[in-house]
Amino acid sequence: MGEDTRASQDKNAQNSMENGPRLGAGGPDAAQQIECSSIPNGDRGSAANTRLYKRRWMIVFLFSAYSLSNAYQWIQYGIINNIMMKFYNVEAFSIDWLSMIYMLTYIPFIFPVTWLLDKKGLRVTALLANALNCAGTWIKVASAKPNLFGVTMVGQLASSLAQVFILGMPSRLASVWFGADEVSTACSIGVFGNQMGIAIGFLLPPILVPNVDDINELANYIRIMFYISAGVATLIFILVVIVFQERPEIPPTQAQAHARNIPPGEYSYTASILRLLRNKPFMLLVVTYGLNVGCFYAISTLLNQMIIEQYPGEEVNAGRIGLTIVVAGMAGSIICGIWLDKTKTYKQTTLAVYLLSLIGMLVYTFTLNLGHLWVVFVTAGVLGFFMTGYLPLGFEFAVELTYPESEGTSSGLLNCSAQIFGIIFTISQGKIIDRWGTLAGNIFLSIFLLIGTVLTGFIKSDLRRQKANLQQSEVQAMSPTGSMSSVQDYGATTCSGHWQQQSSHKPTTSLKSKHTPAKKAKADLEGVISPPEVLTERKL
């Protein structure tokens, strides 16, 4: 493939020299069919292509599959909390810890894992995630006995470690494999897998493990549930080993082309963390993201207890309500991702979805005890659409605020905040429910969603990645006639390998007719960091 690309470049260059530049040759239809471009890399006479590979969809859906497998295990105990209490003869708080261990392990391990992601890349991270996930499922197969609660905790620990390698990957994978107009959608698909796993975790366990009194019969049901998850995890692990690729041969965007050109010695993981901690808009997002997702974690973990308190004996419907929350959230994630790719309105969309999450939480809180399950289904769906639909918004907004820092690092900090708040909210709301009831517990979460909504309004919308892509395209439109050096220095893109350089004896009207006028471009780019400066800012 690389030889074909180079041959095509040589042929294009020869045609350009012989026949002159052919800007937009073939008309708009031909231009739309081309998925690669040429980005000068600063060395005169050499250029790097950008290209989108069809394989990118296979990669993101495979990631979604193993994210699904892992997320399913997070909630498979909590949604049948009362049944697991009876089987293992432990308190509700002990079963809650089978979910909260996912949150707890994330906090100390996120920094070494994001360092590993930066140093070793996507494939090594994916292999480790699947190895741990697969091991956890098989350990739990051996724990389907009433006296082996400690073994099932060890299996859940292994699966929770796998989660550390998974949660920060959607935005990184989207940036490495997808074009500038696809990254939000791709990130949403990555998050979609995690949400689908949670949805299945809400739905299947109450069906697979009915609330029967015979412990031996119950052990058999639990063992079947564990075998199913182990078989799926093993199949996905094999597919990852065979199919999952580190990165495309040719970068998909101008931003990725620049990122690849950064010498390893110029990047310091510690310095990157320190820069992120000094980034005030990003740190506000870290707090607000943690508040929102922490509330979701608490609701998911305690959903069985909340529903059973109001509607005794409705374990299966508790799972279906959880399913409704997550399926609605998956729809919200995809819609929000497409909306962001089309509009780039990160701040406005994030604030609107946050406010609607608060409204949805309040409606759910005050309708839960009305005695009508269908009302709970409706309000839970509205809550899920916005609350879990917020997840990819936070990831992509963070990448915009922190470019050119590693997407894995920014996502890791967001998730670390979510785990911390998730533990605090789950323990606190559980205690409040035990003492004052479900209504008080949900009001407690609503107060923090209100705080998060207000703080989101103070986040400055500094879209650095969009500015970098805009500047590189606008600089080419503004480049002087016959000047190749300025185009090369800024890494501007030209379509399909044809240099859009005009000869000194040719007018530049065709360029100006297809791009923003120079004055407007200058105004738009005021205050934007130039790509060479962006690269040097990788240093502390």
Foldseek 3Di string as FASTA:
>chain_A
DVVVLVVLLVVLVVCCVVPNFDACPPHPVVQVVFQKWWWFAQDPPDTFMAGADPLLVVQLLLLLLLLLLLLLQLQLQLLPLVLLCVLLVHDSVLSLVLNLLLLVVLQVCLLVLLVCCVVVFDLVLVLQLLVLSLQLLVQCLVQLHNNRPVSNSVSSNSSSVSVSSRQLCQQQSLQQRHALLCSLLSSLSSLLSNLNSLLCSLAPSCVQQPRDDDNVVNSVSSSVVSVVSSVSSVVSSVCSVVRHDRGDPGGNYLQVVLVVPQDPVLFDSVVLVVVQVVLVLLVLLLQLLQLLLLLVLQCSSCLNVQLCVQPPPPSNLSSVLSSLLSVLQSVLQNVVSNVCSVPVPLLVVLLVLLVQLLVLLVLLLVCSNVNDSVSNSVSSNSNSNRSSSNVSSSLVQQCQSRPPRRSSVSSSSSSSSNSVSNVVLNVVLVVCCVPPRNSVSSVVSSVSSVVSSVSSVVRDRRRQVVLLRLLLQVQLLVPDAPDPSSNSVQRHIDTPSRDPHHHPPDDSVVSPVVDPDPVVSCVVNVPHDGSVRSSSVSHD
